Amino acid sequence: MVDHVKQGKAAKVKGTLGEKMTSDIVEKFSFADCFKQPGSGSGKNPKYKSDLYIRLKLSEDLKIELKSENKFYKHMAIFPIWKKLKAETLINYIPVMTLKENNSDTLIALKLQDFLGILESCKYKIDRAEKENIIINNQEDTRAKREIKFFANRILQEVKKV
């Protein structure tokens, strides 16, 4: 019985360290905040039914909220496949794995840094489009201004679809 208690404590410590690691990665991005959920997902309130809450602010009107469930095990069945994918992926590409069980959602797996890097690229495009809109709005109404504004708005619409 004592061994079971020790394993439970070790697993809890491992989970806490994993949550801290995830939080540290997220917090390195200027547009992201990460908060540990009270009780780490325990309790009855669905608002707190995850390990971490991640808030991403890509623009004033584009905010994304994520719930993160963290699983840290010695071995997981997908990692041999992931390691093979990473080894076969050329340096300019981001490895992405598609996962599906019968009658279930289709998921993707990619490194957290890659996911946030993609969002950072979107944020850059949004910021640039918003700055161009400010510059454009301060100029006279010319054909060039209308064209730039059209393309800036198109970039914003495309990014908001992500």
C-alpha atoms as a PDB file:
ATOM      1  CA  MET A   1       0.000   0.000   0.000  1.00  0.00           C
ATOM      2  CA  VAL A   2       2.876   2.376   0.716  1.00  0.00           C
ATOM      3  CA  ASP A   3       4.275   1.946  -2.830  1.00  0.00           C
ATOM      4  CA  HIS A   4       0.942   3.043  -4.308  1.00  0.00           C
ATOM      5  CA  VAL A   5       1.033   6.253  -2.261  1.00  0.00           C
ATOM      6  CA  LYS A   6       4.615   6.989  -3.363  1.00  0.00           C
ATOM      7  CA  GLN A   7       3.733   6.423  -7.018  1.00  0.00           C
ATOM      8  CA  GLY A   8       0.757   8.769  -6.651  1.00  0.00           C
ATOM      9  CA  LYS A   9       2.960  11.512  -5.212  1.00  0.00           C
ATOM     10  CA  ALA A  10       5.603  10.976  -7.888  1.00  0.00           C
ATOM     11  CA  ALA A  11       2.964  11.177 -10.625  1.00  0.00           C
ATOM     12  CA  LYS A  12       1.573  14.385  -9.115  1.00  0.00           C
ATOM     13  CA  VAL A  13       5.049  15.941  -8.966  1.00  0.00           C
ATOM     14  CA  LYS A  14       5.708  14.858 -12.565  1.00  0.00           C
ATOM     15  CA  GLY A  15       2.377  16.395 -13.658  1.00  0.00           C
ATOM     16  CA  THR A  16       3.130  19.644 -11.848  1.00  0.00           C
ATOM     17  CA  LEU A  17       6.573  19.850 -13.472  1.00  0.00           C
ATOM     18  CA  GLY A  18       4.991  19.172 -16.866  1.00  0.00           C
ATOM     19  CA  GLU A  19       2.428  21.935 -16.357  1.00  0.00           C
ATOM     20  CA  LYS A  20       5.231  24.333 -15.381  1.00  0.00           C
ATOM     21  CA  MET A  21       7.197  23.367 -18.493  1.00  0.00           C
ATOM     22  CA  THR A  22       4.149  23.989 -20.727  1.00  0.00           C
ATOM     23  CA  SER A  23       3.431  27.280 -18.984  1.00  0.00           C
ATOM     24  CA  ASP A  24       7.048  28.423 -19.423  1.00  0.00           C
ATOM     25  CA  ILE A  25       6.916  27.694 -23.168  1.00  0.00           C
ATOM     26  CA  VAL A  26       3.648  29.614 -23.592  1.00  0.00           C
ATOM     27  CA  GLU A  27       4.777  32.586 -21.517  1.00  0.00           C
ATOM     28  CA  LYS A  28       7.789  33.165 -23.828  1.00  0.00           C
ATOM     29  CA  PHE A  29       5.387  34.468 -26.479  1.00  0.00           C
ATOM     30  CA  SER A  30       4.373  38.091 -25.908  1.00  0.00           C
ATOM     31  CA  PHE A  31       0.761  37.525 -26.985  1.00  0.00           C
ATOM     32  CA  ALA A  32       0.139  34.547 -24.665  1.00  0.00           C
ATOM     33  CA  ASP A  33      -0.669  34.033 -20.989  1.00  0.00           C
ATOM     34  CA  CYS A  34      -0.923  30.698 -19.213  1.00  0.00           C
ATOM     35  CA  PHE A  35      -2.642  29.992 -15.900  1.00  0.00           C
ATOM     36  CA  LYS A  36      -2.722  26.835 -13.805  1.00  0.00           C
ATOM     37  CA  GLN A  37      -6.299  25.832 -13.103  1.00  0.00           C
ATOM     38  CA  PRO A  38      -7.294  25.631  -9.428  1.00  0.00           C
ATOM     39  CA  GLY A  39      -6.961  22.025  -8.276  1.00  0.00           C
ATOM     40  CA  SER A  40      -5.427  21.145 -11.668  1.00  0.00           C
ATOM     41  CA  GLY A  41      -8.690  20.069 -13.245  1.00  0.00           C
ATOM     42  CA  SER A  42     -10.389  18.632 -10.210  1.00  0.00           C
ATOM     43  CA  GLY A  43     -13.746  19.784  -8.929  1.00  0.00           C
ATOM     44  CA  LYS A  44     -17.187  20.093 -10.470  1.00  0.00           C
ATOM     45  CA  ASN A  45     -17.003  23.477 -12.181  1.00  0.00           C
ATOM     46  CA  PRO A  46     -16.550  22.910 -15.963  1.00  0.00           C
ATOM     47  CA  LYS A  47     -14.682  26.227 -16.167  1.00  0.00           C
ATOM     48  CA  TYR A  48     -11.796  24.606 -14.301  1.00  0.00           C
ATOM     49  CA  LYS A  49     -11.900  21.135 -15.894  1.00  0.00           C
ATOM     50  CA  SER A  50      -8.402  21.200 -17.396  1.00  0.00           C
ATOM     51  CA  ASP A  51      -4.831  21.526 -16.211  1.00  0.00           C
ATOM     52  CA  LEU A  52      -4.023  24.887 -17.800  1.00  0.00           C
ATOM     53  CA  TYR A  53      -5.926  27.824 -19.240  1.00  0.00           C
ATOM     54  CA  ILE A  54      -4.120  29.555 -22.117  1.00  0.00           C
ATOM     55  CA  ARG A  55      -5.187  32.981 -23.394  1.00  0.00           C
ATOM     56  CA  LEU A  56      -3.886  34.233 -26.727  1.00  0.00           C
ATOM     57  CA  LYS A  57      -4.434  37.828 -27.827  1.00  0.00           C
ATOM     58  CA  LEU A  58      -3.626  38.250 -31.511  1.00  0.00           C
ATOM     59  CA  SER A  59      -5.411  41.597 -31.860  1.00  0.00           C
ATOM     60  CA  GLU A  60      -7.929  43.733 -30.013  1.00  0.00           C
ATOM     61  CA  ASP A  61     -10.830  41.772 -31.493  1.00  0.00           C
ATOM     62  CA  LEU A  62      -9.126  38.383 -31.986  1.00  0.00           C
ATOM     63  CA  LYS A  63      -8.613  36.489 -28.759  1.00  0.00           C
ATOM     64  CA  ILE A  64      -8.341  32.711 -28.476  1.00  0.00           C
ATOM     65  CA  GLU A  65      -8.875  30.768 -25.268  1.00  0.00           C
ATOM     66  CA  LEU A  66      -7.457  27.268 -24.900  1.00  0.00           C
ATOM     67  CA  LYS A  67      -7.907  24.575 -22.286  1.00  0.00           C
ATOM     68  CA  SER A  68      -4.834  22.375 -21.947  1.00  0.00           C
ATOM     69  CA  GLU A  69      -4.885  18.857 -20.567  1.00  0.00           C
ATOM     70  CA  ASN A  70      -1.307  17.739 -19.962  1.00  0.00           C
ATOM     71  CA  LYS A  71      -0.276  14.095 -19.980  1.00  0.00           C
ATOM     72  CA  PHE A  72       3.301  13.215 -19.120  1.00  0.00           C
ATOM     73  CA  TYR A  73       4.142   9.526 -19.213  1.00  0.00           C
ATOM     74  CA  LYS A  74       7.318   7.528 -19.489  1.00  0.00           C
ATOM     75  CA  HIS A  75       6.059   6.038 -22.793  1.00  0.00           C
ATOM     76  CA  MET A  76       3.178   6.937 -25.119  1.00  0.00           C
ATOM     77  CA  ALA A  77       2.248   4.944 -28.203  1.00  0.00           C
ATOM     78  CA  ILE A  78       2.397   7.936 -30.574  1.00  0.00           C
ATOM     79  CA  PHE A  79       5.988   8.930 -29.826  1.00  0.00           C
ATOM     80  CA  PRO A  80       7.775   6.253 -31.899  1.00  0.00           C
ATOM     81  CA  ILE A  81       5.699   7.484 -34.876  1.00  0.00           C
ATOM     82  CA  TRP A  82       6.450  11.123 -33.939  1.00  0.00           C
ATOM     83  CA  LYS A  83      10.206  10.460 -33.713  1.00  0.00           C
ATOM     84  CA  LYS A  84      10.144   8.813 -37.162  1.00  0.00           C
ATOM     85  CA  LEU A  85       8.196  11.783 -38.596  1.00  0.00           C
ATOM     86  CA  LYS A  86      10.672  14.292 -37.113  1.00  0.00           C
ATOM     87  CA  ALA A  87      13.629  12.328 -38.489  1.00  0.00           C
ATOM     88  CA  GLU A  88      12.088  12.312 -41.980  1.00  0.00           C
ATOM     89  CA  THR A  89      10.989  15.969 -41.982  1.00  0.00           C
ATOM     90  CA  LEU A  90      13.168  18.386 -43.925  1.00  0.00           C
ATOM     91  CA  ILE A  91      14.532  21.340 -41.962  1.00  0.00           C
ATOM     92  CA  ASN A  92      12.225  23.956 -43.569  1.00  0.00           C
ATOM     93  CA  TYR A  93       9.060  22.005 -42.716  1.00  0.00           C
ATOM     94  CA  ILE A  94       7.042  21.686 -39.526  1.00  0.00           C
ATOM     95  CA  PRO A  95       6.201  18.093 -38.574  1.00  0.00           C
ATOM     96  CA  VAL A  96       2.460  17.610 -38.025  1.00  0.00           C
ATOM     97  CA  MET A  97       0.787  14.333 -37.141  1.00  0.00           C
ATOM     98  CA  THR A  98      -2.892  13.616 -37.827  1.00  0.00           C
ATOM     99  CA  LEU A  99      -4.616  11.361 -35.285  1.00  0.00           C
ATOM    100  CA  LYS A 100      -8.026   9.713 -35.595  1.00  0.00           C
ATOM    101  CA  GLU A 101      -9.918   6.940 -33.852  1.00  0.00           C
ATOM    102  CA  ASN A 102     -13.040   5.419 -35.350  1.00  0.00           C
ATOM    103  CA  ASN A 103     -16.087   7.625 -34.741  1.00  0.00           C
ATOM    104  CA  SER A 104     -14.008  10.356 -33.139  1.00  0.00           C
ATOM    105  CA  ASP A 105     -12.597  13.794 -33.900  1.00  0.00           C
ATOM    106  CA  THR A 106      -9.571  14.202 -36.131  1.00  0.00           C
ATOM    107  CA  LEU A 107      -6.716  15.750 -34.196  1.00  0.00           C
ATOM    108  CA  ILE A 108      -3.322  17.109 -35.091  1.00  0.00           C
ATOM    109  CA  ALA A 109      -0.154  16.917 -33.056  1.00  0.00           C
ATOM    110  CA  LEU A 110       2.701  19.363 -33.439  1.00  0.00           C
ATOM    111  CA  LYS A 111       5.279  20.884 -31.128  1.00  0.00           C
ATOM    112  CA  LEU A 112       3.861  23.589 -28.873  1.00  0.00           C
ATOM    113  CA  GLN A 113       6.603  25.994 -30.024  1.00  0.00           C
ATOM    114  CA  ASP A 114       5.631  25.385 -33.673  1.00  0.00           C
ATOM    115  CA  PHE A 115       1.942  25.993 -32.934  1.00  0.00           C
ATOM    116  CA  LEU A 116       2.692  29.249 -31.126  1.00  0.00           C
ATOM    117  CA  GLY A 117       5.158  30.226 -33.872  1.00  0.00           C
ATOM    118  CA  ILE A 118       2.379  29.864 -36.460  1.00  0.00           C
ATOM    119  CA  LEU A 119       0.133  32.068 -34.333  1.00  0.00           C
ATOM    120  CA  GLU A 120       2.972  34.564 -33.876  1.00  0.00           C
ATOM    121  CA  SER A 121       3.241  34.782 -37.661  1.00  0.00           C
ATOM    122  CA  CYS A 122      -0.509  35.465 -37.834  1.00  0.00           C
ATOM    123  CA  LYS A 123      -0.155  38.129 -35.138  1.00  0.00           C
ATOM    124  CA  TYR A 124       2.627  39.796 -37.121  1.00  0.00           C
ATOM    125  CA  LYS A 125       0.396  39.905 -40.214  1.00  0.00           C
ATOM    126  CA  ILE A 126      -2.522  41.294 -38.200  1.00  0.00           C
ATOM    127  CA  ASP A 127      -0.342  43.983 -36.589  1.00  0.00           C
ATOM    128  CA  ARG A 128       1.102  44.936 -39.972  1.00  0.00           C
ATOM    129  CA  ALA A 129      -2.343  45.113 -41.587  1.00  0.00           C
ATOM    130  CA  GLU A 130      -3.673  47.254 -38.717  1.00  0.00           C
ATOM    131  CA  LYS A 131      -0.683  49.632 -38.980  1.00  0.00           C
ATOM    132  CA  GLU A 132      -1.204  49.916 -42.735  1.00  0.00           C
ATOM    133  CA  ASN A 133      -4.871  50.713 -42.138  1.00  0.00           C
ATOM    134  CA  ILE A 134      -3.906  53.529 -39.748  1.00  0.00           C
ATOM    135  CA  ILE A 135      -1.451  54.975 -42.297  1.00  0.00           C
ATOM    136  CA  ILE A 136      -3.993  54.607 -45.078  1.00  0.00           C
ATOM    137  CA  ASN A 137      -6.778  56.259 -43.101  1.00  0.00           C
ATOM    138  CA  ASN A 138      -4.587  59.332 -42.621  1.00  0.00           C
ATOM    139  CA  GLN A 139      -4.045  59.759 -46.382  1.00  0.00           C
ATOM    140  CA  GLU A 140      -6.257  61.117 -49.119  1.00  0.00           C
ATOM    141  CA  ASP A 141      -8.678  58.676 -50.732  1.00  0.00           C
ATOM    142  CA  THR A 142      -6.716  57.456 -53.742  1.00  0.00           C
ATOM    143  CA  ARG A 143      -6.831  54.283 -55.792  1.00  0.00           C
ATOM    144  CA  ALA A 144      -3.552  53.094 -54.200  1.00  0.00           C
ATOM    145  CA  LYS A 145      -5.011  53.658 -50.742  1.00  0.00           C
ATOM    146  CA  ARG A 146      -8.119  51.623 -51.615  1.00  0.00           C
ATOM    147  CA  GLU A 147      -5.994  48.764 -52.995  1.00  0.00           C
ATOM    148  CA  ILE A 148      -3.743  48.648 -49.919  1.00  0.00           C
ATOM    149  CA  LYS A 149      -6.768  48.797 -47.635  1.00  0.00           C
ATOM    150  CA  PHE A 150      -8.413  45.959 -49.577  1.00  0.00           C
ATOM    151  CA  PHE A 151      -5.346  43.716 -49.186  1.00  0.00           C
ATOM    152  CA  ALA A 152      -4.880  44.638 -45.494  1.00  0.00           C
ATOM    153  CA  ASN A 153      -8.527  43.752 -44.777  1.00  0.00           C
ATOM    154  CA  ARG A 154      -8.149  40.511 -46.725  1.00  0.00           C
ATOM    155  CA  ILE A 155      -5.148  39.519 -44.588  1.00  0.00           C
ATOM    156  CA  LEU A 156      -7.151  40.246 -41.430  1.00  0.00           C
ATOM    157  CA  GLN A 157     -10.073  38.128 -42.646  1.00  0.00           C
ATOM    158  CA  GLU A 158      -7.810  35.214 -43.584  1.00  0.00           C
ATOM    159  CA  VAL A 159      -6.029  35.245 -40.250  1.00  0.00           C
ATOM    160  CA  LYS A 160      -9.306  35.409 -38.301  1.00  0.00           C
ATOM    161  CA  LYS A 161     -10.401  32.185 -40.026  1.00  0.00           C
ATOM    162  CA  VAL A 162      -7.436  30.366 -38.428  1.00  0.00           C
END
